[in-house]
C-alpha atoms as a PDB file:
ATOM      1  CA  MET A   1     -28.622  20.399  31.115  1.00  0.00           C
ATOM      2  CA  SER A   2     -29.522  19.464  27.566  1.00  0.00           C
ATOM      3  CA  THR A   3     -25.952  20.216  26.478  1.00  0.00           C
ATOM      4  CA  LEU A   4     -24.562  17.882  29.150  1.00  0.00           C
ATOM      5  CA  VAL A   5     -26.941  15.108  28.123  1.00  0.00           C
ATOM      6  CA  HIS A   6     -25.999  15.610  24.496  1.00  0.00           C
ATOM      7  CA  ARG A   7     -22.294  15.337  25.343  1.00  0.00           C
ATOM      8  CA  ARG A   8     -22.860  12.146  27.335  1.00  0.00           C
ATOM      9  CA  ARG A   9     -24.804  10.615  24.487  1.00  0.00           C
ATOM     10  CA  PHE A  10     -22.080  11.625  22.022  1.00  0.00           C
ATOM     11  CA  ARG A  11     -19.373  10.065  24.208  1.00  0.00           C
ATOM     12  CA  LEU A  12     -21.437   6.907  24.682  1.00  0.00           C
ATOM     13  CA  GLY A  13     -22.062   6.639  20.952  1.00  0.00           C
ATOM     14  CA  HIS A  14     -18.379   7.217  20.234  1.00  0.00           C
ATOM     15  CA  THR A  15     -17.382   4.514  22.736  1.00  0.00           C
ATOM     16  CA  VAL A  16     -19.860   2.048  21.242  1.00  0.00           C
ATOM     17  CA  ARG A  17     -18.523   2.703  17.734  1.00  0.00           C
ATOM     18  CA  VAL A  18     -14.907   2.272  18.813  1.00  0.00           C
ATOM     19  CA  VAL A  19     -15.606  -0.955  20.718  1.00  0.00           C
ATOM     20  CA  SER A  20     -17.682  -2.312  17.840  1.00  0.00           C
ATOM     21  CA  GLY A  21     -14.927  -1.461  15.375  1.00  0.00           C
ATOM     22  CA  VAL A  22     -12.293  -3.197  17.493  1.00  0.00           C
ATOM     23  CA  LEU A  23     -14.445  -6.325  17.902  1.00  0.00           C
ATOM     24  CA  ILE A  24     -15.184  -6.509  14.178  1.00  0.00           C
ATOM     25  CA  ALA A  25     -11.492  -6.029  13.360  1.00  0.00           C
ATOM     26  CA  LEU A  26     -10.543  -8.823  15.775  1.00  0.00           C
ATOM     27  CA  LEU A  27     -13.197 -11.068  14.256  1.00  0.00           C
ATOM     28  CA  PHE A  28     -11.789 -10.595  10.757  1.00  0.00           C
ATOM     29  CA  LEU A  29      -8.120 -10.715  11.796  1.00  0.00           C
ATOM     30  CA  PHE A  30      -8.349 -13.805  13.994  1.00  0.00           C
ATOM     31  CA  PRO A  31      -8.307 -16.341  11.106  1.00  0.00           C
ATOM     32  CA  ILE A  32      -5.182 -14.659   9.699  1.00  0.00           C
ATOM     33  CA  PHE A  33      -3.554 -14.671  13.158  1.00  0.00           C
ATOM     34  CA  TRP A  34      -4.397 -18.358  13.609  1.00  0.00           C
ATOM     35  CA  MET A  35      -3.041 -19.209  10.150  1.00  0.00           C
ATOM     36  CA  VAL A  36       0.298 -17.504  10.884  1.00  0.00           C
ATOM     37  CA  LEU A  37       0.455 -19.119  14.347  1.00  0.00           C
ATOM     38  CA  THR A  38      -0.259 -22.588  12.951  1.00  0.00           C
ATOM     39  CA  SER A  39       2.398 -22.201  10.267  1.00  0.00           C
ATOM     40  CA  PHE A  40       5.098 -22.176  12.980  1.00  0.00           C
ATOM     41  CA  LYS A  41       3.810 -25.278  14.764  1.00  0.00           C
ATOM     42  CA  GLN A  42       5.034 -28.816  14.346  1.00  0.00           C
ATOM     43  CA  GLN A  43       2.540 -31.213  12.811  1.00  0.00           C
ATOM     44  CA  VAL A  44       1.930 -32.922  16.163  1.00  0.00           C
ATOM     45  CA  ASP A  45       1.073 -29.596  17.866  1.00  0.00           C
ATOM     46  CA  ILE A  46      -1.493 -28.558  15.252  1.00  0.00           C
ATOM     47  CA  PHE A  47      -4.073 -31.151  16.310  1.00  0.00           C
ATOM     48  CA  VAL A  48      -3.645 -30.840  20.075  1.00  0.00           C
ATOM     49  CA  SER A  49      -6.873 -30.183  21.966  1.00  0.00           C
ATOM     50  CA  PRO A  50      -7.165 -27.651  23.492  1.00  0.00           C
ATOM     51  CA  PRO A  51      -4.931 -25.709  21.090  1.00  0.00           C
ATOM     52  CA  LYS A  52      -1.516 -24.613  22.347  1.00  0.00           C
ATOM     53  CA  LEU A  53      -0.537 -20.957  22.378  1.00  0.00           C
ATOM     54  CA  MET A  54       2.910 -21.785  23.759  1.00  0.00           C
ATOM     55  CA  PHE A  55       4.825 -24.290  21.648  1.00  0.00           C
ATOM     56  CA  GLU A  56       8.214 -25.014  20.140  1.00  0.00           C
ATOM     57  CA  VAL A  57       8.584 -22.830  17.053  1.00  0.00           C
ATOM     58  CA  SER A  58       9.320 -24.762  13.868  1.00  0.00           C
ATOM     59  CA  PHE A  59      10.254 -23.466  10.416  1.00  0.00           C
ATOM     60  CA  ASP A  60      10.091 -26.906   8.794  1.00  0.00           C
ATOM     61  CA  ALA A  61       7.017 -26.106   6.703  1.00  0.00           C
ATOM     62  CA  TYR A  62       8.608 -22.948   5.289  1.00  0.00           C
ATOM     63  CA  ILE A  63      11.970 -24.587   4.625  1.00  0.00           C
ATOM     64  CA  LYS A  64      10.426 -27.624   2.923  1.00  0.00           C
ATOM     65  CA  TYR A  65       8.522 -25.615   0.339  1.00  0.00           C
ATOM     66  CA  LEU A  66      10.767 -22.594  -0.095  1.00  0.00           C
ATOM     67  CA  GLU A  67      13.597 -24.969  -1.043  1.00  0.00           C
ATOM     68  CA  ARG A  68      11.522 -26.134  -3.999  1.00  0.00           C
ATOM     69  CA  PRO A  69      12.571 -24.081  -7.061  1.00  0.00           C
ATOM     70  CA  ASP A  70       9.061 -24.187  -8.529  1.00  0.00           C
ATOM     71  CA  ILE A  71       7.602 -22.262  -5.560  1.00  0.00           C
ATOM     72  CA  ILE A  72       9.587 -19.098  -6.364  1.00  0.00           C
ATOM     73  CA  HIS A  73       8.676 -19.543 -10.039  1.00  0.00           C
ATOM     74  CA  LYS A  74       4.975 -19.809  -9.171  1.00  0.00           C
ATOM     75  CA  LEU A  75       5.233 -16.740  -6.938  1.00  0.00           C
ATOM     76  CA  VAL A  76       6.783 -14.764  -9.812  1.00  0.00           C
ATOM     77  CA  ASN A  77       3.975 -16.002 -12.074  1.00  0.00           C
ATOM     78  CA  THR A  78       1.419 -14.739  -9.566  1.00  0.00           C
ATOM     79  CA  ILE A  79       3.057 -11.300  -9.442  1.00  0.00           C
ATOM     80  CA  ILE A  80       3.199 -11.044 -13.257  1.00  0.00           C
ATOM     81  CA  VAL A  81      -0.415 -12.091 -13.725  1.00  0.00           C
ATOM     82  CA  ALA A  82      -1.811 -10.000 -10.844  1.00  0.00           C
ATOM     83  CA  VAL A  83       0.013  -6.813 -11.850  1.00  0.00           C
ATOM     84  CA  GLY A  84      -0.631  -7.337 -15.578  1.00  0.00           C
ATOM     85  CA  SER A  85      -4.356  -7.967 -15.182  1.00  0.00           C
ATOM     86  CA  ALA A  86      -4.718  -5.027 -12.768  1.00  0.00           C
ATOM     87  CA  LEU A  87      -2.949  -2.682 -15.221  1.00  0.00           C
ATOM     88  CA  LEU A  88      -5.052  -3.864 -18.156  1.00  0.00           C
ATOM     89  CA  SER A  89      -8.225  -3.506 -16.120  1.00  0.00           C
ATOM     90  CA  ILE A  90      -7.289  -0.014 -14.906  1.00  0.00           C
ATOM     91  CA  VAL A  91      -6.621   1.224 -18.452  1.00  0.00           C
ATOM     92  CA  ALA A  92      -9.774  -0.260 -19.985  1.00  0.00           C
ATOM     93  CA  GLY A  93     -12.024   0.216 -16.938  1.00  0.00           C
ATOM     94  CA  SER A  94     -10.990   3.842 -16.368  1.00  0.00           C
ATOM     95  CA  MET A  95     -11.784   4.838 -19.946  1.00  0.00           C
ATOM     96  CA  ALA A  96     -15.092   2.975 -19.809  1.00  0.00           C
ATOM     97  CA  GLY A  97     -15.965   4.600 -16.485  1.00  0.00           C
ATOM     98  CA  TYR A  98     -15.081   8.040 -17.858  1.00  0.00           C
ATOM     99  CA  ALA A  99     -17.293   7.464 -20.892  1.00  0.00           C
ATOM    100  CA  LEU A 100     -20.239   6.512 -18.691  1.00  0.00           C
ATOM    101  CA  ALA A 101     -19.630   9.461 -16.347  1.00  0.00           C
ATOM    102  CA  ARG A 102     -19.094  12.228 -18.914  1.00  0.00           C
ATOM    103  CA  ILE A 103     -20.320  11.318 -22.392  1.00  0.00           C
ATOM    104  CA  LYS A 104     -24.052  11.681 -22.942  1.00  0.00           C
ATOM    105  CA  LEU A 105     -25.154   8.246 -24.069  1.00  0.00           C
ATOM    106  CA  THR A 106     -28.684   6.962 -24.382  1.00  0.00           C
ATOM    107  CA  GLY A 107     -29.139   4.393 -21.622  1.00  0.00           C
ATOM    108  CA  ALA A 108     -25.701   5.013 -20.101  1.00  0.00           C
ATOM    109  CA  ASN A 109     -26.879   3.965 -16.638  1.00  0.00           C
ATOM    110  CA  ALA A 110     -28.466   0.797 -18.031  1.00  0.00           C
ATOM    111  CA  ILE A 111     -25.246  -0.039 -19.863  1.00  0.00           C
ATOM    112  CA  GLY A 112     -23.236   0.420 -16.674  1.00  0.00           C
ATOM    113  CA  VAL A 113     -25.609  -1.765 -14.674  1.00  0.00           C
ATOM    114  CA  LEU A 114     -25.532  -4.518 -17.318  1.00  0.00           C
ATOM    115  CA  ILE A 115     -21.731  -4.506 -17.348  1.00  0.00           C
ATOM    116  CA  LEU A 116     -21.697  -4.674 -13.561  1.00  0.00           C
ATOM    117  CA  LEU A 117     -24.229  -7.522 -13.577  1.00  0.00           C
ATOM    118  CA  SER A 118     -21.840  -9.532 -15.752  1.00  0.00           C
ATOM    119  CA  ARG A 119     -19.870 -10.040 -12.533  1.00  0.00           C
ATOM    120  CA  GLY A 120     -22.734 -12.284 -11.453  1.00  0.00           C
ATOM    121  CA  VAL A 121     -22.003 -14.876 -14.146  1.00  0.00           C
ATOM    122  CA  PRO A 122     -20.552 -18.033 -12.501  1.00  0.00           C
ATOM    123  CA  PRO A 123     -16.808 -18.182 -13.249  1.00  0.00           C
ATOM    124  CA  ILE A 124     -17.002 -21.834 -14.280  1.00  0.00           C
ATOM    125  CA  ALA A 125     -19.393 -20.831 -17.075  1.00  0.00           C
ATOM    126  CA  LEU A 126     -16.591 -18.689 -18.536  1.00  0.00           C
ATOM    127  CA  ALA A 127     -13.575 -20.835 -17.665  1.00  0.00           C
ATOM    128  CA  VAL A 128     -14.415 -23.759 -19.960  1.00  0.00           C
ATOM    129  CA  PRO A 129     -15.105 -21.630 -23.096  1.00  0.00           C
ATOM    130  CA  MET A 130     -11.932 -19.643 -22.365  1.00  0.00           C
ATOM    131  CA  PHE A 131      -9.942 -22.872 -22.182  1.00  0.00           C
ATOM    132  CA  LEU A 132     -11.337 -24.064 -25.522  1.00  0.00           C
ATOM    133  CA  VAL A 133     -10.498 -20.734 -27.196  1.00  0.00           C
ATOM    134  CA  ALA A 134      -7.010 -20.659 -25.646  1.00  0.00           C
ATOM    135  CA  ARG A 135      -6.312 -24.224 -26.789  1.00  0.00           C
ATOM    136  CA  LYS A 136      -7.486 -23.411 -30.301  1.00  0.00           C
ATOM    137  CA  LEU A 137      -5.124 -20.396 -30.413  1.00  0.00           C
ATOM    138  CA  GLY A 138      -2.255 -22.275 -28.799  1.00  0.00           C
ATOM    139  CA  LEU A 139      -2.269 -19.964 -25.760  1.00  0.00           C
ATOM    140  CA  THR A 140      -2.849 -22.435 -22.943  1.00  0.00           C
ATOM    141  CA  ASP A 141      -0.468 -22.192 -19.994  1.00  0.00           C
ATOM    142  CA  LYS A 142       0.539 -18.612 -20.919  1.00  0.00           C
ATOM    143  CA  HIS A 143       0.685 -15.501 -18.740  1.00  0.00           C
ATOM    144  CA  ILE A 144      -1.233 -13.419 -21.285  1.00  0.00           C
ATOM    145  CA  THR A 145      -4.122 -15.894 -21.214  1.00  0.00           C
ATOM    146  CA  LEU A 146      -4.543 -15.538 -17.457  1.00  0.00           C
ATOM    147  CA  ILE A 147      -4.151 -11.756 -17.650  1.00  0.00           C
ATOM    148  CA  VAL A 148      -6.948 -11.447 -20.219  1.00  0.00           C
ATOM    149  CA  ALA A 149      -9.121 -13.949 -18.327  1.00  0.00           C
ATOM    150  CA  TYR A 150      -8.761 -12.039 -15.061  1.00  0.00           C
ATOM    151  CA  ALA A 151      -9.476  -8.757 -16.832  1.00  0.00           C
ATOM    152  CA  THR A 152     -12.902 -10.081 -17.853  1.00  0.00           C
ATOM    153  CA  PHE A 153     -14.126  -9.971 -14.245  1.00  0.00           C
ATOM    154  CA  LEU A 154     -11.964  -7.054 -13.079  1.00  0.00           C
ATOM    155  CA  ILE A 155     -12.951  -4.493 -15.746  1.00  0.00           C
ATOM    156  CA  PRO A 156     -16.627  -4.207 -14.644  1.00  0.00           C
ATOM    157  CA  TYR A 157     -15.471  -3.703 -11.057  1.00  0.00           C
ATOM    158  CA  VAL A 158     -12.895  -1.065 -12.069  1.00  0.00           C
ATOM    159  CA  MET A 159     -15.314   0.688 -14.427  1.00  0.00           C
ATOM    160  CA  TRP A 160     -17.989   1.124 -11.778  1.00  0.00           C
ATOM    161  CA  LEU A 161     -15.571   2.354  -9.114  1.00  0.00           C
ATOM    162  CA  MET A 162     -13.813   4.798 -11.441  1.00  0.00           C
ATOM    163  CA  ARG A 163     -17.148   6.116 -12.706  1.00  0.00           C
ATOM    164  CA  GLY A 164     -17.866   7.215  -9.126  1.00  0.00           C
ATOM    165  CA  PHE A 165     -14.513   9.006  -8.867  1.00  0.00           C
ATOM    166  CA  PHE A 166     -15.024  10.807 -12.192  1.00  0.00           C
ATOM    167  CA  LEU A 167     -18.538  11.902 -11.259  1.00  0.00           C
ATOM    168  CA  ALA A 168     -17.089  13.543  -8.135  1.00  0.00           C
ATOM    169  CA  LEU A 169     -14.904  15.845 -10.263  1.00  0.00           C
ATOM    170  CA  PRO A 170     -16.450  19.099 -11.586  1.00  0.00           C
ATOM    171  CA  ARG A 171     -17.035  19.256 -15.340  1.00  0.00           C
ATOM    172  CA  GLU A 172     -15.613  22.779 -15.414  1.00  0.00           C
ATOM    173  CA  LEU A 173     -12.080  21.352 -15.234  1.00  0.00           C
ATOM    174  CA  GLU A 174     -12.479  19.567 -18.579  1.00  0.00           C
ATOM    175  CA  GLU A 175     -14.341  22.475 -20.135  1.00  0.00           C
ATOM    176  CA  ALA A 176     -11.460  24.804 -19.227  1.00  0.00           C
ATOM    177  CA  ALA A 177      -8.962  22.335 -20.703  1.00  0.00           C
ATOM    178  CA  VAL A 178     -10.957  22.092 -23.949  1.00  0.00           C
ATOM    179  CA  ILE A 179     -11.080  25.893 -24.192  1.00  0.00           C
ATOM    180  CA  ASP A 180      -7.265  25.898 -23.841  1.00  0.00           C
ATOM    181  CA  GLY A 181      -7.021  23.590 -26.838  1.00  0.00           C
ATOM    182  CA  CYS A 182      -7.089  20.072 -25.353  1.00  0.00           C
ATOM    183  CA  SER A 183      -9.080  17.301 -26.981  1.00  0.00           C
ATOM    184  CA  ARG A 184     -11.425  15.285 -24.786  1.00  0.00           C
ATOM    185  CA  PHE A 185      -8.818  12.536 -24.540  1.00  0.00           C
ATOM    186  CA  GLY A 186      -6.132  15.125 -23.768  1.00  0.00           C
ATOM    187  CA  ALA A 187      -8.263  16.587 -20.988  1.00  0.00           C
ATOM    188  CA  PHE A 188      -8.813  13.089 -19.639  1.00  0.00           C
ATOM    189  CA  MET A 189      -5.095  12.258 -19.588  1.00  0.00           C
ATOM    190  CA  ARG A 190      -3.774  15.646 -18.419  1.00  0.00           C
ATOM    191  CA  ILE A 191      -6.494  16.746 -15.999  1.00  0.00           C
ATOM    192  CA  ILE A 192      -8.768  13.904 -14.914  1.00  0.00           C
ATOM    193  CA  VAL A 193      -6.218  11.122 -14.515  1.00  0.00           C
ATOM    194  CA  PRO A 194      -3.824  13.114 -12.256  1.00  0.00           C
ATOM    195  CA  LEU A 195      -6.711  14.326 -10.087  1.00  0.00           C
ATOM    196  CA  SER A 196      -8.101  10.784  -9.838  1.00  0.00           C
ATOM    197  CA  MET A 197      -4.751   9.179  -8.992  1.00  0.00           C
ATOM    198  CA  PRO A 198      -5.719   8.253  -5.394  1.00  0.00           C
ATOM    199  CA  GLY A 199      -8.793   6.481  -6.742  1.00  0.00           C
ATOM    200  CA  ILE A 200      -6.787   4.802  -9.499  1.00  0.00           C
ATOM    201  CA  ILE A 201      -4.184   3.554  -7.016  1.00  0.00           C
ATOM    202  CA  SER A 202      -6.764   2.208  -4.561  1.00  0.00           C
ATOM    203  CA  THR A 203      -8.712   0.508  -7.365  1.00  0.00           C
ATOM    204  CA  PHE A 204      -5.475  -0.934  -8.757  1.00  0.00           C
ATOM    205  CA  ILE A 205      -4.586  -2.417  -5.359  1.00  0.00           C
ATOM    206  CA  PHE A 206      -8.013  -3.987  -4.921  1.00  0.00           C
ATOM    207  CA  SER A 207      -7.897  -5.379  -8.469  1.00  0.00           C
ATOM    208  CA  MET A 208      -4.445  -6.854  -7.893  1.00  0.00           C
ATOM    209  CA  ILE A 209      -5.595  -8.521  -4.667  1.00  0.00           C
ATOM    210  CA  MET A 210      -8.592 -10.055  -6.450  1.00  0.00           C
ATOM    211  CA  ALA A 211      -6.324 -11.422  -9.187  1.00  0.00           C
ATOM    212  CA  TRP A 212      -3.705 -12.537  -6.664  1.00  0.00           C
ATOM    213  CA  GLU A 213      -6.068 -14.920  -4.877  1.00  0.00           C
ATOM    214  CA  GLU A 214      -7.991 -16.269  -7.917  1.00  0.00           C
ATOM    215  CA  LEU A 215      -7.893 -20.058  -8.295  1.00  0.00           C
ATOM    216  CA  LEU A 216     -10.434 -21.348 -10.821  1.00  0.00           C
ATOM    217  CA  PHE A 217      -9.128 -19.700 -14.010  1.00  0.00           C
ATOM    218  CA  ALA A 218      -5.522 -20.492 -13.051  1.00  0.00           C
ATOM    219  CA  LEU A 219      -6.471 -24.114 -12.416  1.00  0.00           C
ATOM    220  CA  VAL A 220      -8.266 -24.501 -15.764  1.00  0.00           C
ATOM    221  CA  LEU A 221      -6.072 -22.383 -18.058  1.00  0.00           C
ATOM    222  CA  THR A 222      -2.595 -23.321 -16.795  1.00  0.00           C
ATOM    223  CA  ASN A 223      -0.681 -26.534 -16.439  1.00  0.00           C
ATOM    224  CA  ARG A 224       2.953 -25.871 -15.479  1.00  0.00           C
ATOM    225  CA  ASP A 225       4.694 -22.769 -16.866  1.00  0.00           C
ATOM    226  CA  ALA A 226       2.120 -20.131 -15.847  1.00  0.00           C
ATOM    227  CA  THR A 227       0.696 -21.820 -12.735  1.00  0.00           C
ATOM    228  CA  THR A 228       0.132 -19.438  -9.823  1.00  0.00           C
ATOM    229  CA  ILE A 229       0.507 -19.825  -6.063  1.00  0.00           C
ATOM    230  CA  PRO A 230      -3.216 -20.527  -5.335  1.00  0.00           C
ATOM    231  CA  VAL A 231      -2.985 -23.624  -7.559  1.00  0.00           C
ATOM    232  CA  VAL A 232       0.107 -24.765  -5.648  1.00  0.00           C
ATOM    233  CA  ILE A 233      -1.692 -24.289  -2.335  1.00  0.00           C
ATOM    234  CA  ALA A 234      -4.628 -26.355  -3.591  1.00  0.00           C
ATOM    235  CA  GLY A 235      -2.188 -29.116  -4.544  1.00  0.00           C
ATOM    236  CA  ILE A 236      -0.478 -29.083  -1.152  1.00  0.00           C
ATOM    237  CA  ALA A 237      -3.734 -30.172   0.484  1.00  0.00           C
ATOM    238  CA  GLY A 238      -3.130 -33.708  -0.800  1.00  0.00           C
ATOM    239  CA  ASP A 239       0.593 -33.973  -0.119  1.00  0.00           C
ATOM    240  CA  THR A 240       0.128 -36.429   2.717  1.00  0.00           C
ATOM    241  CA  ASP A 241      -1.662 -39.763   2.851  1.00  0.00           C
ATOM    242  CA  THR A 242      -3.234 -39.003   6.218  1.00  0.00           C
ATOM    243  CA  GLY A 243      -5.102 -35.879   5.157  1.00  0.00           C
ATOM    244  CA  ALA A 244      -4.479 -32.195   4.593  1.00  0.00           C
ATOM    245  CA  ASN A 245      -0.969 -30.960   5.357  1.00  0.00           C
ATOM    246  CA  TRP A 246      -2.088 -28.062   7.524  1.00  0.00           C
ATOM    247  CA  GLY A 247       1.419 -26.933   8.424  1.00  0.00           C
ATOM    248  CA  ALA A 248       2.401 -26.534   4.779  1.00  0.00           C
ATOM    249  CA  LEU A 249      -0.975 -25.017   3.866  1.00  0.00           C
ATOM    250  CA  THR A 250      -0.749 -22.344   6.548  1.00  0.00           C
ATOM    251  CA  ALA A 251       2.917 -21.632   5.715  1.00  0.00           C
ATOM    252  CA  MET A 252       2.162 -21.140   2.031  1.00  0.00           C
ATOM    253  CA  GLY A 253      -0.920 -19.122   2.930  1.00  0.00           C
ATOM    254  CA  THR A 254       1.225 -16.835   5.070  1.00  0.00           C
ATOM    255  CA  ILE A 255       3.781 -16.446   2.267  1.00  0.00           C
ATOM    256  CA  THR A 256       0.944 -15.557  -0.098  1.00  0.00           C
ATOM    257  CA  VAL A 257      -0.606 -12.976   2.244  1.00  0.00           C
ATOM    258  CA  VAL A 258       2.622 -11.201   3.230  1.00  0.00           C
ATOM    259  CA  PRO A 259       3.319  -9.471  -0.159  1.00  0.00           C
ATOM    260  CA  VAL A 260      -0.233  -8.132  -0.302  1.00  0.00           C
ATOM    261  CA  VAL A 261       0.021  -6.761   3.241  1.00  0.00           C
ATOM    262  CA  ILE A 262       3.382  -5.124   2.477  1.00  0.00           C
ATOM    263  CA  ILE A 263       2.009  -3.468  -0.674  1.00  0.00           C
ATOM    264  CA  ALA A 264      -1.078  -2.254   1.194  1.00  0.00           C
ATOM    265  CA  LEU A 265       1.083  -0.747   3.942  1.00  0.00           C
ATOM    266  CA  LEU A 266       3.333   0.998   1.414  1.00  0.00           C
ATOM    267  CA  VAL A 267       0.408   2.642  -0.388  1.00  0.00           C
ATOM    268  CA  GLN A 268      -1.955   3.053   2.567  1.00  0.00           C
ATOM    269  CA  LYS A 269      -1.876   6.855   2.250  1.00  0.00           C
ATOM    270  CA  TRP A 270      -3.254   6.765  -1.292  1.00  0.00           C
ATOM    271  CA  LEU A 271      -5.506   3.817  -0.475  1.00  0.00           C
ATOM    272  CA  ILE A 272      -7.269   5.644   2.359  1.00  0.00           C
ATOM    273  CA  GLN A 273      -7.460   8.869   0.351  1.00  0.00           C
ATOM    274  CA  GLY A 274      -8.936   7.016  -2.602  1.00  0.00           C
ATOM    275  CA  LEU A 275     -11.576   5.345  -0.442  1.00  0.00           C
ATOM    276  CA  ALA A 276     -12.453   8.697   1.155  1.00  0.00           C
ATOM    277  CA  ASP A 277     -12.694  10.446  -2.217  1.00  0.00           C
ATOM    278  CA  GLY A 278     -14.923   7.707  -3.536  1.00  0.00           C
ATOM    279  CA  THR A 279     -17.504   8.233  -0.797  1.00  0.00           C
ATOM    280  CA  THR A 280     -17.774  12.019  -1.058  1.00  0.00           C
ATOM    281  CA  LYS A 281     -18.507  14.461  -3.837  1.00  0.00           C
END
């Protein structure tokens, strides 16, 4: 009897978890669905009340902005900056995370927490000084300026995540490598990095997404040549005299989201494995 009751409770709990998961997923995905749906509507259909689910499909918003040569240029800028800042952050953050995980330092935990707390500094407090330094060095409106600026808030995030991955690996692996003649850095590159590759890939993807959607630093530090897609989207909001151009905004938003979704789907195997490895030891 007790076994039967236990099974019923397990099935009920499983059903509740599945239903809750589906509802939460729908809640988070609905804004994206509505954005994509709105991007194919004509301007007159966007403001109809109640909203239409059946309407005449229009590609005018996509055609209008994709025909502009600067849009492709801004999209390429976004890719360069997002990938560059993610790579820089992975290299620096991984080594910092390894140092905090393996090297015996006085106050290592306090150092890690302080670096992580730097993420709490308001971005605007850093954007203005960065602009003044970049202007003094003649590096305004450059890709490298945005890459370094993004790395300032990505490195603490990467460091803390990678520290967790490195702590999950047994020390005996490095000790065996050192006995075989490897230096500490050699053991890190030849043993730890390959074993942590799922975590590195998942952290890289998350870092790239964070850089991909960043607006403030791109708005302050760029003007024309290195401007990214989020800045263009912010400018589209005022393209019309009657208010926000919602058709163009949703079309550009869809174009911005699609590459990230494609990348996530291509690396989902390593992404899921990295997330799983980061939660277990």
